[in-house]
Amino acid sequence: MAREDLKQNRERTKRDTQESHLMEKVLFINRCSKTVTGGKKMSFSALILVGDGNGRIGFGFAKANELTDAIKKGGDLARKNMCSVHMEGKTIPHDVKVKWDGVEIVLRSAPQGTGIIAGSKARAILEFAGYEDVMAKNIGSSNPINQVRAMFKALQGLNKRQDVLESRKG
């Protein structure tokens, strides 16, 4: 039994040192209440963003009865669901327009030194991914979960410039 505990501790510390350079941010917290016979029962949902600033980013959405538990669960999900995004210098390789549910996101590459021109959630996602010069516009819904999912769909739809040029030739 002690040997298994030692092994789990080693794996946990190894994972913690690998993920210690990750940045974590709470994007949105929602408080829900349900009326039951004994009164009102409160629960929380949290939308968490995790990124390393070098092209790896993830998000997690979790619900729990305690706020700290929801944040912890969301952070674990975000680390588990991390993905890589394509970068060209510090901007995106090409412009992209994506629809997700009621949200429409437009991403445009910007000249060096422009900075990130975007709303709060889009700005956080682009910063955590490591982009520095991007323009983003959210058209439509203000639902934070759908905004984040639309941004991730847009970022995962990016291709390298060489791949785009080769597909146009052939």
Protein backbone atom coordinates (compact mmCIF):
# COMPACT_ATOMS: atom_id res chain seq x y z
CA MET A 1 0.00 0.00 0.00
CA ALA A 2 2.77 2.43 0.89
CA ARG A 3 4.56 1.66 -2.35
CA GLU A 4 1.48 2.63 -4.38
CA ASP A 5 1.16 5.89 -2.42
CA LEU A 6 4.81 6.71 -3.13
CA LYS A 7 4.29 6.01 -6.83
CA GLN A 8 1.21 8.26 -6.93
CA ASN A 9 3.09 11.06 -5.13
CA ARG A 10 5.96 10.85 -7.63
CA GLU A 11 3.55 11.01 -10.57
CA ARG A 12 1.69 13.93 -8.99
CA THR A 13 4.88 15.94 -8.35
CA LYS A 14 6.14 15.16 -11.86
CA ARG A 15 2.86 16.42 -13.33
CA ASP A 16 2.90 19.51 -11.08
CA THR A 17 6.43 20.48 -12.16
CA GLN A 18 5.48 20.08 -15.82
CA GLU A 19 2.36 22.19 -15.36
CA SER A 20 3.83 24.75 -12.97
CA HIS A 21 4.52 27.17 -15.83
CA LEU A 22 0.83 27.24 -16.79
CA MET A 23 -1.24 30.37 -16.22
CA GLU A 24 -4.79 29.93 -14.93
CA LYS A 25 -7.65 32.42 -14.98
CA VAL A 26 -11.30 32.29 -13.93
CA LEU A 27 -13.27 33.67 -16.89
CA PHE A 28 -16.79 33.35 -15.53
CA ILE A 29 -18.59 32.22 -12.38
CA ASN A 30 -22.31 31.59 -12.24
CA ARG A 31 -24.33 31.12 -9.04
CA CYS A 32 -27.47 29.03 -9.33
CA SER A 33 -30.15 28.46 -6.72
CA LYS A 34 -32.74 25.72 -6.59
CA THR A 35 -35.74 25.96 -4.31
CA VAL A 36 -36.28 22.77 -2.33
CA THR A 37 -38.53 21.97 0.63
CA GLY A 38 -35.88 23.00 3.15
CA GLY A 39 -35.15 26.33 1.48
CA LYS A 40 -32.79 27.32 -1.32
CA LYS A 41 -29.90 25.13 -2.43
CA MET A 42 -26.98 27.06 -3.94
CA SER A 43 -24.59 25.69 -6.55
CA PHE A 44 -21.84 27.23 -8.67
CA SER A 45 -20.43 26.82 -12.16
CA ALA A 46 -17.00 28.06 -13.23
CA LEU A 47 -15.36 28.61 -16.61
CA ILE A 48 -11.56 28.31 -16.28
CA LEU A 49 -8.85 29.13 -18.84
CA VAL A 50 -5.34 27.62 -18.78
CA GLY A 51 -2.43 28.45 -21.09
CA ASP A 52 1.35 28.49 -21.25
CA GLY A 53 1.84 31.52 -23.52
CA ASN A 54 3.60 29.39 -26.16
CA GLY A 55 0.75 28.04 -28.25
CA ARG A 56 -0.90 25.61 -25.79
CA ILE A 57 -4.28 26.50 -24.31
CA GLY A 58 -7.31 24.82 -22.76
CA PHE A 59 -10.57 25.57 -21.01
CA GLY A 60 -12.75 23.75 -18.52
CA PHE A 61 -16.34 24.23 -17.40
CA ALA A 62 -17.39 22.58 -14.15
CA LYS A 63 -20.23 22.68 -11.65
CA ALA A 64 -20.16 21.99 -7.92
CA ASN A 65 -21.93 22.87 -4.67
CA GLU A 66 -18.92 24.87 -3.45
CA LEU A 67 -17.21 27.61 -5.45
CA THR A 68 -13.67 26.38 -4.73
CA ASP A 69 -14.60 22.86 -5.84
CA ALA A 70 -16.04 24.18 -9.11
CA ILE A 71 -12.87 26.20 -9.79
CA LYS A 72 -10.63 23.21 -8.99
CA LYS A 73 -12.66 20.86 -11.19
CA GLY A 74 -12.66 23.40 -14.03
CA GLY A 75 -8.88 23.86 -13.77
CA ASP A 76 -8.33 20.10 -13.91
CA LEU A 77 -10.57 19.82 -16.97
CA ALA A 78 -8.76 22.72 -18.64
CA ARG A 79 -5.37 21.05 -18.14
CA LYS A 80 -6.76 17.77 -19.43
CA ASN A 81 -8.25 19.38 -22.56
CA MET A 82 -5.25 21.48 -23.62
CA CYS A 83 -4.57 21.80 -27.35
CA SER A 84 -1.93 23.44 -29.52
CA VAL A 85 -2.62 26.38 -31.83
CA HIS A 86 -0.66 27.56 -34.88
CA MET A 87 1.31 30.76 -34.58
CA GLU A 88 3.21 32.80 -37.12
CA GLY A 89 5.54 34.93 -35.10
CA LYS A 90 3.21 36.55 -32.57
CA THR A 91 0.08 36.69 -34.76
CA ILE A 92 -2.28 34.28 -36.51
CA PRO A 93 -1.33 32.91 -39.96
CA HIS A 94 -4.54 34.02 -41.71
CA ASP A 95 -7.92 35.63 -41.07
CA VAL A 96 -10.75 33.40 -39.91
CA LYS A 97 -14.51 33.74 -39.32
CA VAL A 98 -16.35 31.15 -37.21
CA LYS A 99 -19.92 30.62 -36.00
CA TRP A 100 -20.75 28.68 -32.85
CA ASP A 101 -24.33 28.59 -31.62
CA GLY A 102 -25.32 32.30 -31.39
CA VAL A 103 -21.76 33.65 -31.48
CA GLU A 104 -19.81 34.75 -34.54
CA ILE A 105 -16.08 35.40 -34.08
CA VAL A 106 -13.87 37.20 -36.59
CA LEU A 107 -10.08 36.96 -36.10
CA ARG A 108 -7.67 39.04 -38.19
CA SER A 109 -3.91 39.13 -38.16
CA ALA A 110 -2.45 42.52 -37.28
CA PRO A 111 0.89 44.24 -37.98
CA GLN A 112 3.64 43.93 -35.42
CA GLY A 113 3.19 46.30 -32.48
CA THR A 114 -0.60 46.55 -32.76
CA GLY A 115 -1.34 44.50 -29.67
CA ILE A 116 -4.48 42.50 -28.94
CA ILE A 117 -7.66 44.31 -29.89
CA ALA A 118 -10.49 42.17 -28.52
CA GLY A 119 -13.17 41.85 -25.87
CA SER A 120 -12.50 40.47 -22.41
CA LYS A 121 -12.83 36.71 -23.00
CA ALA A 122 -11.28 36.76 -26.47
CA ARG A 123 -8.41 38.89 -25.16
CA ALA A 124 -7.72 36.45 -22.31
CA ILE A 125 -7.71 33.47 -24.66
CA LEU A 126 -5.36 35.15 -27.14
CA GLU A 127 -2.99 36.29 -24.35
CA PHE A 128 -2.86 32.83 -22.76
CA ALA A 129 -2.17 31.27 -26.17
CA GLY A 130 0.80 33.60 -26.66
CA TYR A 131 -0.48 35.88 -29.42
CA GLU A 132 0.52 39.55 -29.26
CA ASP A 133 -0.83 41.14 -32.46
CA VAL A 134 -4.40 40.06 -33.28
CA MET A 135 -7.72 41.81 -33.87
CA ALA A 136 -10.87 39.95 -32.77
CA LYS A 137 -14.54 40.83 -32.98
CA ASN A 138 -17.44 39.06 -31.29
CA ILE A 139 -20.72 39.44 -33.17
CA GLY A 140 -23.92 38.16 -31.60
CA SER A 141 -24.38 36.47 -28.26
CA SER A 142 -22.65 37.50 -25.04
CA ASN A 143 -22.85 34.01 -23.53
CA PRO A 144 -19.33 33.41 -22.12
CA ILE A 145 -19.25 29.64 -22.69
CA ASN A 146 -20.29 29.98 -26.32
CA GLN A 147 -17.76 32.81 -26.83
CA VAL A 148 -14.95 30.60 -25.51
CA ARG A 149 -16.03 27.62 -27.61
CA ALA A 150 -16.21 29.80 -30.73
CA MET A 151 -12.72 31.17 -30.05
CA PHE A 152 -11.32 27.66 -29.62
CA LYS A 153 -13.01 26.53 -32.84
CA ALA A 154 -11.48 29.51 -34.65
CA LEU A 155 -7.99 28.91 -33.23
CA GLN A 156 -8.09 25.20 -34.02
CA GLY A 157 -9.21 25.99 -37.57
CA LEU A 158 -5.98 27.88 -38.26
CA ASN A 159 -3.51 26.30 -40.68
CA LYS A 160 0.15 27.04 -41.29
CA ARG A 161 0.82 29.45 -44.15
CA GLN A 162 2.77 26.79 -46.09
CA ASP A 163 -0.16 24.36 -45.87
CA VAL A 164 -2.58 26.98 -47.20
CA LEU A 165 -0.27 27.89 -50.10
CA GLU A 166 0.25 24.22 -51.02
CA SER A 167 -3.50 23.56 -50.99
CA ARG A 168 -4.05 26.51 -53.36
CA LYS A 169 -1.45 25.21 -55.84
CA GLY A 170 -2.72 21.69 -56.12
